[in-house]
N, C-alpha and C. Protein backbone atom coordinates (compact mmCIF):
# COMPACT_ATOMS: atom_id res chain seq x y z
N UNK A 1 117.35 81.37 105.72
CA UNK A 1 116.23 82.67 106.19
C UNK A 1 115.25 81.32 107.27
N UNK A 2 114.94 81.83 108.81
CA UNK A 2 114.46 81.20 110.01
C UNK A 2 113.17 81.44 109.65
N UNK A 3 112.67 80.02 109.99
CA UNK A 3 111.10 80.01 109.89
C UNK A 3 110.56 80.54 111.06
N UNK A 4 109.49 81.06 111.36
CA UNK A 4 108.82 81.58 112.41
C UNK A 4 107.81 80.39 112.78
N UNK A 5 108.19 79.96 114.17
CA UNK A 5 107.01 78.97 114.52
C UNK A 5 105.94 79.73 115.34
N UNK A 6 105.03 78.74 115.84
CA UNK A 6 103.78 79.28 116.35
C UNK A 6 104.20 80.40 117.74
N UNK A 7 105.20 79.94 118.31
CA UNK A 7 105.34 80.73 119.59
C UNK A 7 105.97 81.90 119.48
N UNK A 8 106.42 82.13 118.11
CA UNK A 8 107.50 83.50 117.82
C UNK A 8 106.85 84.22 117.14
N UNK A 9 107.20 85.63 117.33
CA UNK A 9 106.55 86.67 116.99
C UNK A 9 107.55 87.59 116.05
N UNK A 10 106.98 87.90 114.57
CA UNK A 10 108.02 88.83 113.65
C UNK A 10 108.53 89.96 114.49
N UNK A 11 109.89 90.15 114.22
CA UNK A 11 110.64 91.51 114.79
C UNK A 11 109.77 92.40 113.97
N UNK A 12 109.33 92.44 113.01
CA UNK A 12 108.57 93.39 112.15
C UNK A 12 107.33 93.66 112.38
N UNK A 13 106.81 93.10 113.12
CA UNK A 13 105.20 93.78 113.58
C UNK A 13 106.02 94.81 114.89
N UNK A 14 104.77 95.65 114.76
CA UNK A 14 104.60 96.97 115.57
C UNK A 14 103.69 96.51 116.57
N UNK A 15 103.38 97.71 117.30
CA UNK A 15 102.41 97.87 118.34
C UNK A 15 101.27 97.38 117.91
N UNK A 16 100.64 97.40 118.74
CA UNK A 16 98.96 97.01 118.83
C UNK A 16 98.03 98.38 119.07
N UNK A 17 96.75 98.47 118.87
CA UNK A 17 95.98 99.55 119.28
C UNK A 17 96.01 100.73 118.33
N UNK A 18 96.04 101.73 118.89
CA UNK A 18 95.73 103.15 118.11
C UNK A 18 97.47 103.41 117.42
N UNK A 19 98.38 103.01 118.12
CA UNK A 19 99.77 102.96 117.81
C UNK A 19 99.92 102.30 116.18
N UNK A 20 99.38 101.34 116.15
CA UNK A 20 99.50 100.13 114.98
C UNK A 20 98.61 100.80 114.00
N UNK A 21 97.53 101.61 114.17
CA UNK A 21 96.72 102.05 112.95
C UNK A 21 97.42 103.63 113.13
N UNK A 22 98.02 104.04 113.45
CA UNK A 22 98.53 105.32 113.16
C UNK A 22 100.09 105.09 111.93
N UNK A 23 100.65 103.94 112.44
CA UNK A 23 101.95 103.17 111.74
C UNK A 23 100.91 102.88 110.35
N UNK A 24 99.96 102.03 110.61
CA UNK A 24 99.71 101.33 108.95
C UNK A 24 98.89 102.70 108.20
N UNK A 25 98.43 103.71 108.83
CA UNK A 25 98.07 105.12 108.01
C UNK A 25 99.19 105.44 107.13
N UNK A 26 100.28 105.63 107.78
CA UNK A 26 101.83 106.11 106.99
C UNK A 26 102.11 104.72 105.93
N UNK A 27 101.87 103.70 106.37
CA UNK A 27 102.47 102.75 105.49
C UNK A 27 101.66 102.70 104.27
N UNK A 28 100.47 102.97 104.63
CA UNK A 28 99.40 103.02 103.14
C UNK A 28 99.63 104.06 102.37
N UNK A 29 99.97 105.27 102.93
CA UNK A 29 100.35 106.44 102.30
C UNK A 29 101.63 106.20 101.35
N UNK A 30 102.53 105.80 101.88
CA UNK A 30 103.69 105.07 101.41
C UNK A 30 103.52 104.18 100.01
N UNK A 31 102.46 103.31 100.47
CA UNK A 31 102.23 102.36 99.35
C UNK A 31 101.37 102.75 98.14
N UNK A 32 100.78 103.87 98.35
CA UNK A 32 100.17 104.51 97.54
C UNK A 32 100.90 105.66 96.82
N UNK A 33 101.82 106.24 97.16
CA UNK A 33 102.86 106.95 96.76
C UNK A 33 103.89 105.63 95.51
N UNK A 34 104.50 104.84 96.43
CA UNK A 34 104.88 104.20 95.49
C UNK A 34 104.19 103.50 93.91
N UNK A 35 103.20 103.15 94.36
CA UNK A 35 102.57 102.40 93.40
C UNK A 35 102.20 103.78 92.40
N UNK A 36 101.94 104.76 92.54
CA UNK A 36 102.02 105.67 91.71
C UNK A 36 103.04 106.14 90.91
N UNK A 37 104.07 106.11 91.75
CA UNK A 37 105.21 106.43 91.45
C UNK A 37 106.15 105.32 90.52
N UNK A 38 105.84 104.24 90.59
CA UNK A 38 106.37 102.93 90.11
C UNK A 38 105.44 102.25 88.85
N UNK A 39 104.55 102.16 88.83
CA UNK A 39 103.19 101.53 88.22
C UNK A 39 102.68 102.49 87.29
N UNK A 40 102.61 102.20 86.24
CA UNK A 40 102.50 102.94 84.91
C UNK A 40 100.60 102.34 85.18
N UNK A 41 100.19 101.47 84.90
CA UNK A 41 99.15 100.78 84.89
C UNK A 41 98.36 101.16 85.98
N UNK A 42 98.81 101.54 87.40
CA UNK A 42 98.00 102.17 88.79
C UNK A 42 97.77 103.72 88.35
N UNK A 43 98.70 104.39 87.69
CA UNK A 43 98.46 105.84 87.46
C UNK A 43 97.54 105.74 86.40
N UNK A 44 97.20 104.92 85.35
CA UNK A 44 96.12 104.93 84.47
C UNK A 44 94.91 104.64 84.83
N UNK A 45 94.81 103.67 85.94
CA UNK A 45 93.61 103.53 86.71
C UNK A 45 93.15 104.69 87.47
N UNK A 46 94.19 105.34 88.00
CA UNK A 46 93.68 106.26 88.79
C UNK A 46 92.97 107.50 87.91
N UNK A 47 93.52 107.73 86.82
CA UNK A 47 92.92 108.68 86.27
C UNK A 47 91.51 108.14 85.71
N UNK A 48 91.60 106.77 85.30
CA UNK A 48 89.96 106.54 85.12
C UNK A 48 89.23 106.76 86.38
N UNK A 49 89.82 106.48 87.62
CA UNK A 49 88.99 106.45 88.89
C UNK A 49 88.36 108.16 88.94
N UNK A 50 89.42 109.32 88.35
CA UNK A 50 89.11 110.79 88.84
C UNK A 50 88.18 110.89 87.83
N UNK A 51 87.86 110.30 86.52
CA UNK A 51 86.79 110.74 85.69
C UNK A 51 85.38 109.80 86.20
N UNK A 52 85.44 108.97 86.15
CA UNK A 52 84.27 107.69 87.01
C UNK A 52 83.75 107.90 87.82
N UNK A 53 84.55 108.34 89.26
CA UNK A 53 83.88 108.24 90.50
C UNK A 53 83.02 109.55 90.64
N UNK A 54 83.62 110.84 89.85
CA UNK A 54 82.48 111.98 89.99
C UNK A 54 81.42 111.64 89.18
N UNK A 55 81.58 111.18 87.96
CA UNK A 55 80.38 110.75 87.22
C UNK A 55 79.23 109.90 87.70
N UNK A 56 79.86 108.90 88.58
CA UNK A 56 79.12 107.70 89.31
C UNK A 56 77.97 108.60 90.04
N UNK A 57 78.57 109.51 90.87
CA UNK A 57 78.28 110.43 91.79
C UNK A 57 76.89 111.34 90.85
N UNK A 58 77.28 111.88 89.87
CA UNK A 58 76.37 112.59 89.40
C UNK A 58 75.26 112.12 88.35
N UNK A 59 75.74 110.98 87.86
CA UNK A 59 74.49 110.23 86.98
C UNK A 59 73.26 110.21 87.82
N UNK A 60 72.16 110.17 86.96
CA UNK A 60 70.67 109.81 87.78
C UNK A 60 70.26 108.32 87.94
N UNK A 61 71.04 108.06 88.98
CA UNK A 61 70.84 106.40 89.10
C UNK A 61 70.72 106.57 90.89
N UNK A 62 69.99 105.42 91.34
CA UNK A 62 69.42 105.40 92.60
C UNK A 62 70.72 105.11 93.41
N UNK A 63 70.38 105.32 94.88
CA UNK A 63 71.77 105.10 95.93
C UNK A 63 72.66 103.78 95.62
N UNK A 64 71.91 102.65 95.53
CA UNK A 64 72.45 101.29 94.99
C UNK A 64 73.13 101.29 94.13
N UNK A 65 72.72 101.94 93.00
CA UNK A 65 73.39 101.80 91.64
C UNK A 65 74.78 102.86 91.80
N UNK A 66 74.61 103.92 92.51
CA UNK A 66 76.06 104.84 92.67
C UNK A 66 76.91 103.96 93.41
N UNK A 67 76.46 103.41 94.32
CA UNK A 67 77.52 102.60 95.62
C UNK A 67 77.87 101.27 94.37
N UNK A 68 77.27 100.65 93.83
CA UNK A 68 78.02 99.49 92.78
C UNK A 68 78.82 100.53 92.01
N UNK A 69 78.69 101.39 91.29
CA UNK A 69 79.41 101.94 90.28
C UNK A 69 80.72 102.44 91.02
N UNK A 70 80.58 102.87 92.16
CA UNK A 70 81.99 103.72 92.99
C UNK A 70 82.54 101.97 93.56
N UNK A 71 82.25 101.22 93.88
CA UNK A 71 82.96 100.05 94.46
C UNK A 71 83.33 99.44 93.36
N UNK A 72 82.85 99.42 92.11
CA UNK A 72 83.61 98.57 91.15
C UNK A 72 84.81 99.45 90.69
N UNK A 73 84.62 100.47 90.48
CA UNK A 73 85.76 101.23 90.33
C UNK A 73 87.09 101.12 91.49
N UNK A 74 86.84 101.14 92.75
CA UNK A 74 87.66 101.13 93.84
C UNK A 74 88.21 99.80 93.76
N UNK A 75 87.51 98.86 93.16
CA UNK A 75 88.08 97.56 93.16
C UNK A 75 89.17 97.32 92.21
N UNK A 76 88.76 98.01 91.20
CA UNK A 76 90.30 98.13 90.25
C UNK A 76 91.63 98.37 90.71
N UNK A 77 91.29 99.48 91.50
CA UNK A 77 92.29 100.14 92.29
C UNK A 77 93.22 99.27 93.26
N UNK A 78 92.06 98.58 93.86
CA UNK A 78 92.42 97.53 95.24
C UNK A 78 93.13 96.20 94.33
N UNK A 79 92.72 95.73 93.47
CA UNK A 79 93.26 94.71 92.63
C UNK A 79 94.73 94.98 92.03
N UNK A 80 94.67 96.30 91.29
CA UNK A 80 96.00 96.63 90.82
C UNK A 80 97.28 96.99 91.80
N UNK A 81 96.60 97.46 92.98
CA UNK A 81 97.45 97.30 94.07
C UNK A 81 98.28 96.21 94.47
N UNK A 82 97.22 95.08 94.85
CA UNK A 82 97.93 93.86 95.25
C UNK A 82 98.46 93.04 94.14
N UNK A 83 98.52 93.49 92.71
CA UNK A 83 98.99 92.92 91.50
C UNK A 83 100.25 93.50 91.65
N UNK A 84 100.56 94.78 91.56
CA UNK A 84 101.86 95.27 91.84
C UNK A 84 102.71 94.99 92.86
N UNK A 85 101.91 94.59 94.14
CA UNK A 85 102.76 93.90 95.35
C UNK A 85 103.09 92.67 94.91
N UNK A 86 102.27 92.03 94.31
CA UNK A 86 102.58 90.51 93.84
C UNK A 86 103.92 90.82 92.97
N UNK A 87 103.87 91.67 91.78
CA UNK A 87 105.10 91.37 90.92
C UNK A 87 106.17 92.09 91.58
N UNK A 88 105.97 93.11 92.69
CA UNK A 88 107.50 93.28 93.14
C UNK A 88 108.07 92.63 93.90
N UNK A 89 107.25 91.47 94.71
CA UNK A 89 107.59 90.27 95.54
C UNK A 89 108.36 89.29 94.54
N UNK A 90 107.57 89.06 93.63
CA UNK A 90 108.48 87.89 92.76
C UNK A 90 109.57 88.50 91.89
N UNK A 91 109.80 89.69 91.31
CA UNK A 91 110.67 90.56 91.01
C UNK A 91 112.10 90.58 92.14
N UNK A 92 111.84 90.65 93.26
CA UNK A 92 112.49 90.60 94.51
C UNK A 92 113.21 89.50 94.48
N UNK A 93 112.37 88.23 94.70
CA UNK A 93 113.01 86.77 94.64
C UNK A 93 113.79 86.51 93.48
N UNK A 94 113.64 86.84 92.06
CA UNK A 94 114.43 86.65 91.11
C UNK A 94 114.00 87.15 89.90
N UNK A 95 115.05 88.13 88.96
CA UNK A 95 114.29 88.65 87.89
C UNK A 95 114.36 87.48 86.33
N UNK A 96 114.99 86.39 87.10
CA UNK A 96 115.02 85.65 85.73
C UNK A 96 113.84 85.07 85.01
N UNK A 97 113.79 84.29 84.24
CA UNK A 97 112.66 83.52 83.57
C UNK A 97 112.20 82.69 84.21
N UNK A 98 111.05 82.53 85.05
CA UNK A 98 110.68 81.12 85.44
C UNK A 98 109.30 80.90 84.86
N UNK A 99 108.91 79.69 85.16
CA UNK A 99 107.37 79.40 84.66
C UNK A 99 106.27 79.78 86.09
N UNK A 100 106.82 79.53 86.92
CA UNK A 100 105.97 80.00 88.07
C UNK A 100 106.09 81.35 88.59
N UNK A 101 107.03 82.02 88.09
CA UNK A 101 107.15 83.75 88.34
C UNK A 101 106.06 83.92 87.26
N UNK A 102 106.30 83.68 85.87
CA UNK A 102 105.22 84.07 84.66
C UNK A 102 104.09 83.81 85.42
N UNK A 103 103.77 82.52 85.79
CA UNK A 103 102.02 82.06 85.98
C UNK A 103 101.75 83.05 87.19
N UNK A 104 102.62 83.77 88.20
CA UNK A 104 101.82 84.35 88.97
C UNK A 104 101.63 86.01 88.66
N UNK A 105 102.28 86.30 87.58
CA UNK A 105 102.21 87.31 87.44
C UNK A 105 101.03 87.50 86.31
N UNK A 106 100.74 86.56 85.30
CA UNK A 106 99.85 86.66 84.48
C UNK A 106 98.46 86.20 85.30
N UNK A 107 98.45 85.79 86.43
CA UNK A 107 97.46 85.23 87.26
C UNK A 107 96.91 86.90 87.66
N UNK A 108 98.12 87.51 88.17
CA UNK A 108 97.49 88.99 89.32
C UNK A 108 97.03 89.72 87.91
N UNK A 109 97.66 89.83 86.54
CA UNK A 109 97.20 90.72 85.48
C UNK A 109 95.98 90.35 85.16
N UNK A 110 95.60 88.63 85.16
CA UNK A 110 94.03 88.26 84.86
C UNK A 110 93.07 88.72 85.89
N UNK A 111 93.40 89.16 86.81
CA UNK A 111 92.93 89.60 88.01
C UNK A 111 92.27 91.18 88.07
N UNK A 112 93.43 91.77 87.76
CA UNK A 112 93.05 93.24 87.27
C UNK A 112 92.22 93.02 85.75
N UNK A 113 92.11 92.39 84.87
CA UNK A 113 91.27 92.56 83.96
C UNK A 113 89.94 92.41 84.37
N UNK A 114 90.05 91.17 84.94
CA UNK A 114 88.42 90.47 85.49
C UNK A 114 87.86 91.85 86.37
N UNK A 115 88.69 92.66 87.16
CA UNK A 115 88.14 93.59 87.86
C UNK A 115 87.41 94.67 87.03
N UNK A 116 88.48 94.87 85.94
CA UNK A 116 87.99 96.07 84.86
C UNK A 116 86.79 95.65 83.94
N UNK A 117 86.39 94.36 83.54
CA UNK A 117 85.28 93.93 83.11
C UNK A 117 84.36 93.95 84.06
N UNK A 118 84.24 93.85 85.47
CA UNK A 118 83.25 93.99 86.28
C UNK A 118 82.79 95.60 86.23
N UNK A 119 83.74 96.40 85.96
CA UNK A 119 83.35 98.05 85.76
C UNK A 119 82.34 98.10 84.83
N UNK A 120 82.88 97.39 83.62
CA UNK A 120 82.09 97.55 82.29
C UNK A 120 80.85 97.09 82.44
N UNK A 121 80.42 95.87 82.80
CA UNK A 121 79.44 95.12 83.21
C UNK A 121 78.47 95.80 84.35
N UNK A 122 78.90 95.97 85.40
CA UNK A 122 78.06 96.82 86.41
C UNK A 122 77.55 98.13 86.23
N UNK A 123 78.41 98.98 85.52
CA UNK A 123 78.21 100.28 84.66
C UNK A 123 76.93 99.99 83.94
N UNK A 124 77.34 99.22 82.86
CA UNK A 124 76.08 98.73 81.67
C UNK A 124 74.81 98.49 82.51
N UNK A 125 74.70 97.31 83.48
CA UNK A 125 73.50 97.34 84.23
C UNK A 125 73.04 98.10 84.81
N UNK A 126 73.83 98.98 85.62
CA UNK A 126 73.01 100.27 86.29
C UNK A 126 72.61 101.19 85.23
N UNK A 127 73.35 101.57 84.60
CA UNK A 127 73.02 102.87 83.53
C UNK A 127 71.92 102.20 82.55
N UNK A 128 71.98 100.66 81.94
CA UNK A 128 70.83 100.16 80.42
C UNK A 128 69.80 99.38 80.93
N UNK A 129 70.32 99.08 82.30
CA UNK A 129 69.40 98.15 82.80
C UNK A 129 69.10 96.70 82.75
């Protein structure tokens, strides 16, 4: 595998400016579709978000409380997407059991778990003071 030096540009990099943003939009949509199609945990967390996001907006809390509740739920989805990407990359390298692969996947899982705890703590603090 050829390593890129400082003066080389990846051949996979696309345009800049609006063309790049347009491409990024479609890459992002493809990423959401792939995560939803292949990741059971992501589908579960999307269902949780479909319940919690409207609830956060309907509950009688101030704007900052609503923002924190929404942000905490969106953070779970972000962390799950990153964890799923990490797992896919690790699996692409090798499906063999390896201590470092296990460590990477366990740390990703811990990040998702921490983001879920964050939801519980923020919602409890906003709702119960």
